Protein backbone atom coordinates (compact mmCIF):
# COMPACT_ATOMS: atom_id res chain seq x y z
CA MET A 1 145.47 107.11 204.98
CA SER A 2 148.60 107.39 202.81
CA ARG A 3 148.75 105.56 199.44
CA PRO A 4 151.01 102.46 199.43
CA PRO A 5 154.28 103.33 197.73
CA HIS A 6 154.05 100.37 195.25
CA VAL A 7 150.89 101.58 193.50
CA GLN A 8 152.52 104.13 191.20
CA PRO A 9 154.89 101.63 189.50
CA VAL A 10 151.94 99.30 188.86
CA VAL A 11 149.94 102.12 187.24
CA ALA A 12 152.95 103.08 185.17
CA GLY A 13 153.31 99.48 184.05
CA LEU A 14 149.68 99.36 182.95
CA LEU A 15 150.18 102.51 180.91
CA VAL A 16 153.12 100.89 179.13
CA VAL A 17 151.00 97.82 178.26
CA LEU A 18 148.11 99.96 177.01
CA GLY A 19 150.51 102.00 174.92
CA ALA A 20 151.82 98.83 173.30
CA CYS A 21 148.27 97.66 172.48
CA SER A 22 147.56 100.90 170.61
CA ASP A 23 150.25 100.17 168.01
CA HIS A 24 148.78 100.53 164.50
CA SER A 25 150.27 97.18 163.46
CA LEU A 26 147.70 95.45 165.65
CA THR A 27 144.72 97.35 164.26
CA THR A 28 142.19 95.40 162.15
CA SER A 29 139.26 96.66 160.10
CA ILE A 30 136.15 97.23 162.18
CA HIS A 31 133.99 96.68 159.10
CA GLY A 32 133.56 93.18 157.70
CA PRO A 33 132.26 92.33 154.22
CA GLU A 34 128.69 93.12 153.21
CA VAL A 35 126.82 90.70 150.95
CA SER A 36 123.43 90.85 149.24
CA ILE A 37 121.59 88.92 146.53
CA VAL A 38 119.93 91.46 144.22
CA SER A 39 118.50 89.35 141.41
CA HIS A 40 115.99 87.39 143.49
CA ASP A 41 113.97 87.74 146.68
CA ASP A 42 113.34 84.99 149.17
CA GLY A 43 110.49 82.81 147.91
CA ASP A 44 110.78 83.76 144.22
CA VAL A 45 109.43 81.29 141.66
CA ALA A 46 111.50 80.42 138.57
CA PRO A 47 110.26 78.43 135.56
CA GLU A 48 111.67 75.01 134.76
CA GLY A 49 114.01 74.63 131.82
CA ARG A 50 115.64 78.07 131.91
CA THR A 51 119.07 78.99 133.20
CA LEU A 52 118.74 80.77 136.53
CA VAL A 53 121.07 83.79 136.60
CA MET A 54 121.88 84.79 140.19
CA VAL A 55 123.39 88.22 140.80
CA GLY A 56 124.91 89.40 144.07
CA GLU A 57 126.71 92.47 145.33
CA ILE A 58 129.70 92.49 147.68
CA SER A 59 131.49 95.39 149.38
CA HIS A 60 134.06 95.93 152.10
CA GLY A 61 135.01 99.11 153.91
CA GLY A 62 138.70 98.36 154.28
CA VAL A 63 139.79 95.44 152.11
CA PRO A 64 140.11 95.29 148.28
CA LEU A 65 137.55 93.01 146.67
CA GLU A 66 140.25 90.80 145.16
CA GLU A 67 141.36 89.83 148.68
CA LEU A 68 137.96 88.44 149.61
CA VAL A 69 137.13 84.75 149.38
CA ILE A 70 133.77 84.63 147.60
CA ALA A 71 131.59 81.54 147.28
CA TRP A 72 128.16 80.58 145.96
CA SER A 73 126.30 77.62 147.41
CA LEU A 74 123.34 75.51 146.34
CA ASN A 75 121.60 73.70 149.22
CA SER A 76 124.88 73.99 151.21
CA ASP A 77 126.96 72.49 148.37
CA PRO A 78 129.49 74.63 146.44
CA ALA A 79 128.18 76.18 143.21
CA CYS A 80 129.77 78.11 140.32
CA GLU A 81 133.23 77.37 141.71
CA ASP A 82 134.96 78.17 138.40
CA SER A 83 133.46 81.65 138.02
CA VAL A 84 133.30 83.25 141.47
CA GLU A 85 134.87 86.66 141.03
CA ALA A 86 133.49 90.13 141.71
CA ASP A 87 133.84 92.83 139.08
CA GLY A 88 135.03 96.35 139.86
CA ASP A 89 131.60 97.31 141.20
CA GLY A 90 131.40 94.29 143.50
CA VAL A 91 128.91 92.44 141.29
CA VAL A 92 129.21 88.64 141.20
CA ARG A 93 127.12 86.20 139.13
CA CYS A 94 126.25 82.52 139.12
CA GLU A 95 124.32 80.64 136.40
CA LEU A 96 122.44 77.53 137.48
CA ASP A 97 120.48 74.91 135.54
CA LEU A 98 118.01 73.44 138.03
CA GLY A 99 115.27 70.86 137.97
CA LEU A 100 111.94 71.13 139.74
CA GLY A 101 112.02 71.76 143.48
CA SER A 102 113.08 74.15 146.22
CA PHE A 103 116.63 75.45 146.35
CA TYR A 104 118.50 77.49 148.95
CA ILE A 105 121.03 79.62 147.07
CA GLY A 106 123.65 81.42 149.12
CA LEU A 107 126.45 83.91 148.56
CA SER A 108 129.24 84.48 151.09
CA ALA A 109 132.39 86.57 151.39
CA GLN A 110 135.25 86.33 153.87
CA ASP A 111 138.10 88.80 154.36
CA PRO A 112 141.71 88.00 155.38
CA SER A 113 140.95 88.62 159.06
CA GLY A 114 138.23 85.95 159.04
CA GLU A 115 135.25 88.31 159.07
CA ARG A 116 132.45 86.69 157.05
CA ALA A 117 129.04 87.70 155.70
CA ARG A 118 126.42 85.60 153.93
CA ALA A 119 123.11 86.10 152.11
CA GLU A 120 120.65 83.38 151.12
CA VAL A 121 117.35 83.12 149.25
CA LEU A 122 114.91 80.29 148.68
CA VAL A 123 113.95 79.83 145.02
CA GLU A 124 111.15 77.53 143.85
CA VAL A 125 111.54 76.04 140.39
CA GLN A 126 108.15 75.16 138.92
CA THR A 127 106.79 74.12 135.56
CA GLY A 128 106.42 77.26 133.43
CA ASP A 129 105.41 78.23 129.91
CA LEU A 130 107.12 80.60 127.49
CA PRO A 131 105.33 83.84 126.61
CA GLU A 132 103.31 83.88 123.40
CA ALA A 133 103.18 86.36 120.52
CA ILE A 134 100.66 86.74 117.69
CA ILE A 135 101.11 88.96 114.60
CA LEU A 136 97.87 90.65 113.49
CA ALA A 137 99.35 93.06 110.93
CA PRO A 138 100.87 93.22 108.43
CA ASP A 139 99.21 90.24 106.80
CA PRO A 140 100.97 88.19 104.06
CA GLY A 141 98.22 89.26 101.66
CA ASP A 142 98.69 93.01 102.22
CA THR A 143 100.10 95.22 99.44
CA LEU A 144 103.09 97.03 100.95
CA VAL A 145 105.42 99.55 99.34
CA ALA A 146 109.00 100.18 100.38
CA GLY A 147 109.44 103.40 102.35
CA GLU A 148 105.71 103.88 103.00
CA ALA A 149 104.54 103.58 106.63
CA PHE A 150 102.08 100.84 107.52
CA ASP A 151 100.64 99.32 110.70
CA PHE A 152 102.45 96.79 112.88
CA MET A 153 99.99 95.09 115.21
CA GLY A 154 100.25 92.11 117.52
CA LYS A 155 99.26 90.60 120.83
CA VAL A 156 101.43 89.11 123.58
CA SER A 157 100.65 87.12 126.72
CA ASP A 158 102.31 85.09 129.46
CA ALA A 159 101.01 82.58 132.00
CA GLU A 160 103.02 84.09 134.88
CA ASP A 161 103.50 87.80 134.08
CA PRO A 162 100.88 90.46 133.29
CA PRO A 163 101.27 92.08 129.85
CA GLU A 164 102.69 95.36 131.17
CA TYR A 165 105.73 93.47 132.54
CA LEU A 166 106.56 91.94 129.16
CA VAL A 167 109.14 93.35 126.73
CA ALA A 168 108.51 93.02 122.99
CA GLY A 169 110.05 94.07 119.70
CA TRP A 170 109.89 93.72 115.91
CA GLU A 171 112.66 92.38 113.66
CA SER A 172 113.16 91.69 109.95
CA ASP A 173 115.69 89.29 108.49
CA LEU A 174 116.47 91.97 105.87
CA ASP A 175 116.32 95.19 107.93
CA GLY A 176 117.25 93.87 111.38
CA PRO A 177 115.65 95.32 114.57
CA LEU A 178 112.91 97.76 113.63
CA ASP A 179 112.25 101.16 115.19
CA VAL A 180 108.56 100.41 115.73
CA GLU A 181 106.53 100.94 118.93
CA ALA A 182 106.10 97.60 120.69
CA ASP A 183 105.11 98.32 124.31
CA PRO A 184 102.17 96.06 125.28
CA ASP A 185 99.13 97.71 126.88
CA GLU A 186 97.26 96.20 129.85
CA LEU A 187 95.56 93.73 127.50
CA GLY A 188 98.78 92.73 125.72
CA ALA A 189 97.94 94.61 122.51
CA ILE A 190 100.81 96.09 120.49
CA GLU A 191 100.31 98.84 117.92
CA GLY A 192 102.88 100.81 115.94
CA SER A 193 103.80 101.98 112.50
CA GLY A 194 106.95 101.84 110.43
CA THR A 195 108.52 101.12 107.08
CA LEU A 196 110.44 98.29 105.43
CA SER A 197 112.79 98.09 102.50
CA GLY A 198 111.74 96.33 99.32
CA GLY A 199 112.00 92.56 99.16
CA THR A 200 110.78 89.39 100.84
CA HIS A 201 110.87 89.78 104.61
CA THR A 202 110.53 87.29 107.41
CA LEU A 203 108.96 89.60 109.98
CA THR A 204 109.22 88.51 113.63
CA LEU A 205 107.47 89.75 116.75
CA TRP A 206 109.32 88.59 119.87
CA VAL A 207 108.28 88.86 123.53
CA GLU A 208 110.33 88.30 126.69
CA ASP A 209 109.03 87.77 130.24
CA ARG A 210 110.67 88.76 133.52
CA MET A 211 112.46 85.42 133.86
CA GLY A 212 114.10 85.66 130.44
CA GLY A 213 111.75 83.33 128.57
CA VAL A 214 111.26 84.37 124.94
CA GLY A 215 108.38 83.61 122.58
CA ARG A 216 108.21 84.50 118.87
CA ALA A 217 105.80 84.71 115.97
CA ALA A 218 106.80 85.25 112.34
CA VAL A 219 105.21 85.93 108.95
CA VAL A 220 106.66 86.22 105.43
CA ILE A 221 105.61 89.37 103.59
CA GLU A 222 106.42 90.94 100.22
CA VAL A 223 107.29 94.64 100.02
CA ASP A 224 107.26 96.25 96.59
CA GLY A 225 110.26 98.36 95.69
CA GLU A 226 114.02 98.03 95.31
CA GLU A 227 115.58 95.19 97.26
């Protein structure tokens, strides 16, 4: 059977239409934005009374970050509206002061073509205590000499975090931060040695937990030698 003579023009017409659809001006990015919340996991617990710092990361395969519409949300309501802007690495932050309860915190990004991505975590805010620090040495009654090494000893603890997750350090109001070992062991004990300049020092041992809570202990000690 011979092919109807009108078929070839129809095929040619379809090729013209397909050729028009392949014009680069009609091409859009096949990759939408990608969003993640990196500071917290779903179900994390945060202590009451501390600013909750949320950190997210945003990327896009074909659109500059400054062209994205970025938004934080708190239980579906807008949050951090005055500070939603990604830095050069795609990092975006939101600081929240929350009461007790459960909070759904979301981060979204939308590109000019309407492609949108969103991440969300549930954070529980509960009553929490600050970490504690105790100075065991030096003692205010010790005889200390400027430039001579002596023991720095203390103990740290926290109701939520085990001691090995705590960060600690020594400071003096005269000498500033001290280069003294202050990593807690599995029992929270801290042992190190160091020197101080002569004078009357307020010596502080500080400890910080994973949520940013800081506890401090301080003693006043006399160090013989030039001030």
